[in-house]
Amino acid sequence: MFWSKKEKTASPTWKCKAAGCDFVCDDYLTLQKHTYKKHPGFIMHCEVEGCNFTCDDYRTLEKHMSWKHPAGKSTVVS
């Protein structure tokens, strides 16, 4: 058959970062839509001590973390 169904692999889990919200999904776009609808104006902050980066998009925060705070080179505040 020309069209074949790909096996589903484990996808990353995306969690809402809004205080008191326990929304979890496996798709970035679903999480972004949830955030814009349920938490309008929500701003995320970088969790690394001393960094004042803020944004309203999960992918932007993810890119910031990988570019500015690569694993093993920074301390994340719990």
PDB file of N, CA and C in Angstrom:
ATOM      1  N   MET A   1       0.843  -1.178   0.000  1.00  0.00           N
ATOM      2  CA  MET A   1       0.000   0.000   0.000  1.00  0.00           C
ATOM      3  C   MET A   1       0.886   1.237   0.000  1.00  0.00           C
ATOM      4  N   PHE A   2       0.503   2.216  -0.788  1.00  0.00           N
ATOM      5  CA  PHE A   2       1.287   3.442  -0.897  1.00  0.00           C
ATOM      6  C   PHE A   2       1.308   4.227   0.410  1.00  0.00           C
ATOM      7  N   TRP A   3       0.144   4.403   1.004  1.00  0.00           N
ATOM      8  CA  TRP A   3       0.048   5.137   2.260  1.00  0.00           C
ATOM      9  C   TRP A   3       0.218   4.162   3.414  1.00  0.00           C
ATOM     10  N   SER A   4       1.155   4.414   4.238  1.00  0.00           N
ATOM     11  CA  SER A   4       1.343   3.536   5.390  1.00  0.00           C
ATOM     12  C   SER A   4       1.225   4.353   6.672  1.00  0.00           C
ATOM     13  N   LYS A   5       0.684   3.732   7.641  1.00  0.00           N
ATOM     14  CA  LYS A   5       0.489   4.394   8.925  1.00  0.00           C
ATOM     15  C   LYS A   5       1.761   4.269   9.745  1.00  0.00           C
ATOM     16  N   LYS A   6       2.279   5.397  10.181  1.00  0.00           N
ATOM     17  CA  LYS A   6       3.482   5.384  10.988  1.00  0.00           C
ATOM     18  C   LYS A   6       3.140   4.937  12.400  1.00  0.00           C
ATOM     19  N   GLU A   7       4.036   4.187  12.973  1.00  0.00           N
ATOM     20  CA  GLU A   7       3.832   3.784  14.363  1.00  0.00           C
ATOM     21  C   GLU A   7       3.967   5.003  15.249  1.00  0.00           C
ATOM     22  N   LYS A   8       3.086   5.087  16.207  1.00  0.00           N
ATOM     23  CA  LYS A   8       3.125   6.218  17.119  1.00  0.00           C
ATOM     24  C   LYS A   8       4.248   6.005  18.129  1.00  0.00           C
ATOM     25  N   THR A   9       5.102   6.989  18.195  1.00  0.00           N
ATOM     26  CA  THR A   9       6.195   6.927  19.161  1.00  0.00           C
ATOM     27  C   THR A   9       5.843   7.829  20.334  1.00  0.00           C
ATOM     28  N   ALA A  10       6.552   7.652  21.396  1.00  0.00           N
ATOM     29  CA  ALA A  10       6.299   8.478  22.580  1.00  0.00           C
ATOM     30  C   ALA A  10       6.524   9.934  22.231  1.00  0.00           C
ATOM     31  N   SER A  11       5.550  10.759  22.467  1.00  0.00           N
ATOM     32  CA  SER A  11       5.678  12.183  22.169  1.00  0.00           C
ATOM     33  C   SER A  11       5.964  12.946  23.463  1.00  0.00           C
ATOM     34  N   PRO A  12       6.572  14.097  23.316  1.00  0.00           N
ATOM     35  CA  PRO A  12       6.868  14.863  24.528  1.00  0.00           C
ATOM     36  C   PRO A  12       5.581  15.337  25.196  1.00  0.00           C
ATOM     37  N   THR A  13       5.623  15.491  26.464  1.00  0.00           N
ATOM     38  CA  THR A  13       4.468  15.976  27.206  1.00  0.00           C
ATOM     39  C   THR A  13       4.621  17.479  27.415  1.00  0.00           C
ATOM     40  N   TRP A  14       3.599  18.209  27.069  1.00  0.00           N
ATOM     41  CA  TRP A  14       3.582  19.661  27.240  1.00  0.00           C
ATOM     42  C   TRP A  14       2.652  19.976  28.404  1.00  0.00           C
ATOM     43  N   LYS A  15       3.137  20.734  29.381  1.00  0.00           N
ATOM     44  CA  LYS A  15       2.356  21.094  30.565  1.00  0.00           C
ATOM     45  C   LYS A  15       2.153  22.598  30.604  1.00  0.00           C
ATOM     46  N   CYS A  16       0.946  22.992  30.962  1.00  0.00           N
ATOM     47  CA  CYS A  16       0.632  24.406  31.110  1.00  0.00           C
ATOM     48  C   CYS A  16       1.418  24.959  32.289  1.00  0.00           C
ATOM     49  N   LYS A  17       2.031  26.127  32.095  1.00  0.00           N
ATOM     50  CA  LYS A  17       2.845  26.737  33.142  1.00  0.00           C
ATOM     51  C   LYS A  17       2.074  27.747  34.000  1.00  0.00           C
ATOM     52  N   ALA A  18       0.786  27.926  33.723  1.00  0.00           N
ATOM     53  CA  ALA A  18      -0.016  28.860  34.516  1.00  0.00           C
ATOM     54  C   ALA A  18      -0.232  28.282  35.916  1.00  0.00           C
ATOM     55  N   ALA A  19      -0.114  29.136  36.908  1.00  0.00           N
ATOM     56  CA  ALA A  19      -0.281  28.706  38.299  1.00  0.00           C
ATOM     57  C   ALA A  19      -1.659  28.093  38.516  1.00  0.00           C
ATOM     58  N   GLY A  20      -1.691  26.922  39.129  1.00  0.00           N
ATOM     59  CA  GLY A  20      -2.943  26.261  39.450  1.00  0.00           C
ATOM     60  C   GLY A  20      -3.584  25.495  38.303  1.00  0.00           C
ATOM     61  N   CYS A  21      -2.983  25.501  37.129  1.00  0.00           N
ATOM     62  CA  CYS A  21      -3.547  24.792  35.982  1.00  0.00           C
ATOM     63  C   CYS A  21      -2.818  23.468  35.810  1.00  0.00           C
ATOM     64  N   ASP A  22      -3.586  22.397  35.645  1.00  0.00           N
ATOM     65  CA  ASP A  22      -2.977  21.076  35.500  1.00  0.00           C
ATOM     66  C   ASP A  22      -3.164  20.509  34.091  1.00  0.00           C
ATOM     67  N   PHE A  23      -3.384  21.373  33.108  1.00  0.00           N
ATOM     68  CA  PHE A  23      -3.587  20.946  31.725  1.00  0.00           C
ATOM     69  C   PHE A  23      -2.292  20.349  31.173  1.00  0.00           C
ATOM     70  N   VAL A  24      -2.409  19.158  30.561  1.00  0.00           N
ATOM     71  CA  VAL A  24      -1.273  18.470  29.951  1.00  0.00           C
ATOM     72  C   VAL A  24      -1.730  17.924  28.607  1.00  0.00           C
ATOM     73  N   CYS A  25      -0.868  17.995  27.593  1.00  0.00           N
ATOM     74  CA  CYS A  25      -1.178  17.436  26.289  1.00  0.00           C
ATOM     75  C   CYS A  25       0.112  16.972  25.623  1.00  0.00           C
ATOM     76  N   ASP A  26      -0.001  16.379  24.453  1.00  0.00           N
ATOM     77  CA  ASP A  26       1.198  15.908  23.768  1.00  0.00           C
ATOM     78  C   ASP A  26       1.465  16.682  22.481  1.00  0.00           C
ATOM     79  N   ASP A  27       0.885  17.870  22.372  1.00  0.00           N
ATOM     80  CA  ASP A  27       1.030  18.675  21.166  1.00  0.00           C
ATOM     81  C   ASP A  27       1.236  20.137  21.550  1.00  0.00           C
ATOM     82  N   TYR A  28       2.273  20.723  21.024  1.00  0.00           N
ATOM     83  CA  TYR A  28       2.585  22.128  21.314  1.00  0.00           C
ATOM     84  C   TYR A  28       1.450  23.065  20.926  1.00  0.00           C
ATOM     85  N   LEU A  29       0.885  22.873  19.746  1.00  0.00           N
ATOM     86  CA  LEU A  29      -0.172  23.783  19.288  1.00  0.00           C
ATOM     87  C   LEU A  29      -1.418  23.704  20.162  1.00  0.00           C
ATOM     88  N   THR A  30      -1.760  22.532  20.630  1.00  0.00           N
ATOM     89  CA  THR A  30      -2.897  22.374  21.534  1.00  0.00           C
ATOM     90  C   THR A  30      -2.640  23.144  22.821  1.00  0.00           C
ATOM     91  N   LEU A  31      -1.440  23.034  23.336  1.00  0.00           N
ATOM     92  CA  LEU A  31      -1.085  23.756  24.562  1.00  0.00           C
ATOM     93  C   LEU A  31      -1.123  25.266  24.331  1.00  0.00           C
ATOM     94  N   GLN A  32      -0.615  25.720  23.189  1.00  0.00           N
ATOM     95  CA  GLN A  32      -0.609  27.151  22.901  1.00  0.00           C
ATOM     96  C   GLN A  32      -2.045  27.677  22.797  1.00  0.00           C
ATOM     97  N   LYS A  33      -2.926  26.933  22.136  1.00  0.00           N
ATOM     98  CA  LYS A  33      -4.335  27.343  22.030  1.00  0.00           C
ATOM     99  C   LYS A  33      -4.973  27.386  23.420  1.00  0.00           C
ATOM    100  N   HIS A  34      -4.719  26.374  24.233  1.00  0.00           N
ATOM    101  CA  HIS A  34      -5.237  26.345  25.601  1.00  0.00           C
ATOM    102  C   HIS A  34      -4.797  27.586  26.365  1.00  0.00           C
ATOM    103  N   THR A  35      -3.519  27.907  26.280  1.00  0.00           N
ATOM    104  CA  THR A  35      -2.976  29.042  27.028  1.00  0.00           C
ATOM    105  C   THR A  35      -3.618  30.354  26.588  1.00  0.00           C
ATOM    106  N   TYR A  36      -3.731  30.562  25.269  1.00  0.00           N
ATOM    107  CA  TYR A  36      -4.326  31.810  24.770  1.00  0.00           C
ATOM    108  C   TYR A  36      -5.794  31.941  25.151  1.00  0.00           C
ATOM    109  N   LYS A  37      -6.532  30.811  25.165  1.00  0.00           N
ATOM    110  CA  LYS A  37      -7.961  30.862  25.489  1.00  0.00           C
ATOM    111  C   LYS A  37      -8.226  30.922  26.991  1.00  0.00           C
ATOM    112  N   LYS A  38      -7.538  30.102  27.766  1.00  0.00           N
ATOM    113  CA  LYS A  38      -7.816  29.998  29.203  1.00  0.00           C
ATOM    114  C   LYS A  38      -7.023  30.983  30.059  1.00  0.00           C
ATOM    115  N   HIS A  39      -5.884  31.430  29.566  1.00  0.00           N
ATOM    116  CA  HIS A  39      -5.025  32.325  30.347  1.00  0.00           C
ATOM    117  C   HIS A  39      -4.560  33.502  29.480  1.00  0.00           C
ATOM    118  N   PRO A  40      -5.500  34.337  28.996  1.00  0.00           N
ATOM    119  CA  PRO A  40      -5.112  35.437  28.113  1.00  0.00           C
ATOM    120  C   PRO A  40      -4.124  36.379  28.811  1.00  0.00           C
ATOM    121  N   GLY A  41      -3.111  36.765  28.079  1.00  0.00           N
ATOM    122  CA  GLY A  41      -2.118  37.682  28.627  1.00  0.00           C
ATOM    123  C   GLY A  41      -1.065  36.997  29.491  1.00  0.00           C
ATOM    124  N   PHE A  42      -1.079  35.663  29.540  1.00  0.00           N
ATOM    125  CA  PHE A  42      -0.127  34.928  30.370  1.00  0.00           C
ATOM    126  C   PHE A  42       1.289  35.095  29.819  1.00  0.00           C
ATOM    127  N   ILE A  43       2.210  35.435  30.692  1.00  0.00           N
ATOM    128  CA  ILE A  43       3.609  35.613  30.330  1.00  0.00           C
ATOM    129  C   ILE A  43       4.440  34.570  31.064  1.00  0.00           C
ATOM    130  N   MET A  44       5.315  33.894  30.311  1.00  0.00           N
ATOM    131  CA  MET A  44       6.204  32.894  30.910  1.00  0.00           C
ATOM    132  C   MET A  44       7.565  33.534  31.171  1.00  0.00           C
ATOM    133  N   HIS A  45       8.194  33.089  32.224  1.00  0.00           N
ATOM    134  CA  HIS A  45       9.503  33.604  32.623  1.00  0.00           C
ATOM    135  C   HIS A  45      10.530  32.487  32.575  1.00  0.00           C
ATOM    136  N   CYS A  46      11.746  32.845  32.189  1.00  0.00           N
ATOM    137  CA  CYS A  46      12.841  31.882  32.211  1.00  0.00           C
ATOM    138  C   CYS A  46      13.071  31.479  33.665  1.00  0.00           C
ATOM    139  N   GLU A  47      13.264  30.177  33.895  1.00  0.00           N
ATOM    140  CA  GLU A  47      13.409  29.664  35.251  1.00  0.00           C
ATOM    141  C   GLU A  47      14.847  29.659  35.744  1.00  0.00           C
ATOM    142  N   VAL A  48      15.778  30.146  34.938  1.00  0.00           N
ATOM    143  CA  VAL A  48      17.177  30.171  35.344  1.00  0.00           C
ATOM    144  C   VAL A  48      17.428  31.419  36.193  1.00  0.00           C
ATOM    145  N   GLU A  49      18.022  31.209  37.326  1.00  0.00           N
ATOM    146  CA  GLU A  49      18.294  32.291  38.262  1.00  0.00           C
ATOM    147  C   GLU A  49      19.144  33.370  37.590  1.00  0.00           C
ATOM    148  N   GLY A  50      18.706  34.616  37.712  1.00  0.00           N
ATOM    149  CA  GLY A  50      19.425  35.749  37.153  1.00  0.00           C
ATOM    150  C   GLY A  50      19.043  36.103  35.721  1.00  0.00           C
ATOM    151  N   CYS A  51      18.223  35.282  35.070  1.00  0.00           N
ATOM    152  CA  CYS A  51      17.801  35.560  33.695  1.00  0.00           C
ATOM    153  C   CYS A  51      16.417  36.200  33.739  1.00  0.00           C
ATOM    154  N   ASN A  52      16.257  37.310  33.041  1.00  0.00           N
ATOM    155  CA  ASN A  52      14.977  38.018  33.077  1.00  0.00           C
ATOM    156  C   ASN A  52      14.193  37.894  31.772  1.00  0.00           C
ATOM    157  N   PHE A  53      14.442  36.846  30.986  1.00  0.00           N
ATOM    158  CA  PHE A  53      13.744  36.620  29.721  1.00  0.00           C
ATOM    159  C   PHE A  53      12.278  36.277  29.975  1.00  0.00           C
ATOM    160  N   THR A  54      11.386  36.901  29.209  1.00  0.00           N
ATOM    161  CA  THR A  54       9.956  36.592  29.273  1.00  0.00           C
ATOM    162  C   THR A  54       9.404  36.461  27.858  1.00  0.00           C
ATOM    163  N   CYS A  55       8.321  35.683  27.718  1.00  0.00           N
ATOM    164  CA  CYS A  55       7.654  35.535  26.424  1.00  0.00           C
ATOM    165  C   CYS A  55       6.249  34.984  26.666  1.00  0.00           C
ATOM    166  N   ASP A  56       5.469  34.884  25.592  1.00  0.00           N
ATOM    167  CA  ASP A  56       4.112  34.348  25.728  1.00  0.00           C
ATOM    168  C   ASP A  56       3.913  33.093  24.889  1.00  0.00           C
ATOM    169  N   ASP A  57       5.009  32.483  24.448  1.00  0.00           N
ATOM    170  CA  ASP A  57       4.939  31.324  23.563  1.00  0.00           C
ATOM    171  C   ASP A  57       5.868  30.228  24.077  1.00  0.00           C
ATOM    172  N   TYR A  58       5.355  29.006  24.157  1.00  0.00           N
ATOM    173  CA  TYR A  58       6.135  27.890  24.698  1.00  0.00           C
ATOM    174  C   TYR A  58       7.347  27.558  23.834  1.00  0.00           C
ATOM    175  N   ARG A  59       7.204  27.637  22.534  1.00  0.00           N
ATOM    176  CA  ARG A  59       8.332  27.338  21.648  1.00  0.00           C
ATOM    177  C   ARG A  59       9.435  28.372  21.803  1.00  0.00           C
ATOM    178  N   THR A  60       9.065  29.627  21.958  1.00  0.00           N
ATOM    179  CA  THR A  60      10.057  30.677  22.146  1.00  0.00           C
ATOM    180  C   THR A  60      10.833  30.434  23.428  1.00  0.00           C
ATOM    181  N   LEU A  61      10.133  30.050  24.489  1.00  0.00           N
ATOM    182  CA  LEU A  61      10.805  29.754  25.749  1.00  0.00           C
ATOM    183  C   LEU A  61      11.721  28.536  25.593  1.00  0.00           C
ATOM    184  N   GLU A  62      11.247  27.527  24.881  1.00  0.00           N
ATOM    185  CA  GLU A  62      12.055  26.327  24.648  1.00  0.00           C
ATOM    186  C   GLU A  62      13.329  26.673  23.868  1.00  0.00           C
ATOM    187  N   LYS A  63      13.208  27.501  22.836  1.00  0.00           N
ATOM    188  CA  LYS A  63      14.368  27.918  22.055  1.00  0.00           C
ATOM    189  C   LYS A  63      15.325  28.744  22.906  1.00  0.00           C
ATOM    190  N   HIS A  64      14.792  29.650  23.704  1.00  0.00           N
ATOM    191  CA  HIS A  64      15.621  30.456  24.597  1.00  0.00           C
ATOM    192  C   HIS A  64      16.441  29.557  25.515  1.00  0.00           C
ATOM    193  N   MET A  65      15.776  28.555  26.103  1.00  0.00           N
ATOM    194  CA  MET A  65      16.469  27.655  27.028  1.00  0.00           C
ATOM    195  C   MET A  65      17.588  26.890  26.322  1.00  0.00           C
ATOM    196  N   SER A  66      17.336  26.439  25.102  1.00  0.00           N
ATOM    197  CA  SER A  66      18.363  25.663  24.405  1.00  0.00           C
ATOM    198  C   SER A  66      19.517  26.539  23.914  1.00  0.00           C
ATOM    199  N   TRP A  67      19.232  27.797  23.566  1.00  0.00           N
ATOM    200  CA  TRP A  67      20.286  28.676  23.067  1.00  0.00           C
ATOM    201  C   TRP A  67      21.077  29.330  24.190  1.00  0.00           C
ATOM    202  N   LYS A  68      20.369  29.856  25.167  1.00  0.00           N
ATOM    203  CA  LYS A  68      21.026  30.625  26.225  1.00  0.00           C
ATOM    204  C   LYS A  68      21.445  29.798  27.428  1.00  0.00           C
ATOM    205  N   HIS A  69      20.756  28.698  27.671  1.00  0.00           N
ATOM    206  CA  HIS A  69      21.044  27.874  28.855  1.00  0.00           C
ATOM    207  C   HIS A  69      21.132  26.396  28.473  1.00  0.00           C
ATOM    208  N   PRO A  70      22.112  26.017  27.650  1.00  0.00           N
ATOM    209  CA  PRO A  70      22.219  24.601  27.268  1.00  0.00           C
ATOM    210  C   PRO A  70      22.397  23.710  28.494  1.00  0.00           C
ATOM    211  N   ALA A  71      21.909  22.492  28.413  1.00  0.00           N
ATOM    212  CA  ALA A  71      21.961  21.543  29.534  1.00  0.00           C
ATOM    213  C   ALA A  71      23.391  21.430  30.075  1.00  0.00           C
ATOM    214  N   GLY A  72      23.471  21.423  31.401  1.00  0.00           N
ATOM    215  CA  GLY A  72      24.762  21.246  32.055  1.00  0.00           C
ATOM    216  C   GLY A  72      25.531  22.532  32.273  1.00  0.00           C
ATOM    217  N   LYS A  73      25.051  23.647  31.698  1.00  0.00           N
ATOM    218  CA  LYS A  73      25.788  24.901  31.847  1.00  0.00           C
ATOM    219  C   LYS A  73      25.055  25.924  32.700  1.00  0.00           C
ATOM    220  N   SER A  74      23.887  25.571  33.206  1.00  0.00           N
ATOM    221  CA  SER A  74      23.130  26.526  34.015  1.00  0.00           C
ATOM    222  C   SER A  74      22.419  25.821  35.144  1.00  0.00           C
ATOM    223  N   THR A  75      22.016  26.592  36.114  1.00  0.00           N
ATOM    224  CA  THR A  75      21.298  26.060  37.256  1.00  0.00           C
ATOM    225  C   THR A  75      19.846  26.519  37.166  1.00  0.00           C
ATOM    226  N   VAL A  76      18.914  25.588  37.174  1.00  0.00           N
ATOM    227  CA  VAL A  76      17.487  25.916  37.084  1.00  0.00           C
ATOM    228  C   VAL A  76      16.939  26.032  38.506  1.00  0.00           C
ATOM    229  N   VAL A  77      16.179  27.086  38.756  1.00  0.00           N
ATOM    230  CA  VAL A  77      15.553  27.307  40.053  1.00  0.00           C
ATOM    231  C   VAL A  77      14.294  26.462  40.127  1.00  0.00           C
ATOM    232  N   SER A  78      14.108  25.729  41.177  1.00  0.00           N
ATOM    233  CA  SER A  78      12.923  24.866  41.321  1.00  0.00           C
ATOM    234  C   SER A  78      11.728  25.645  41.761  1.00  0.00           C
TER     235      SER A  78
END
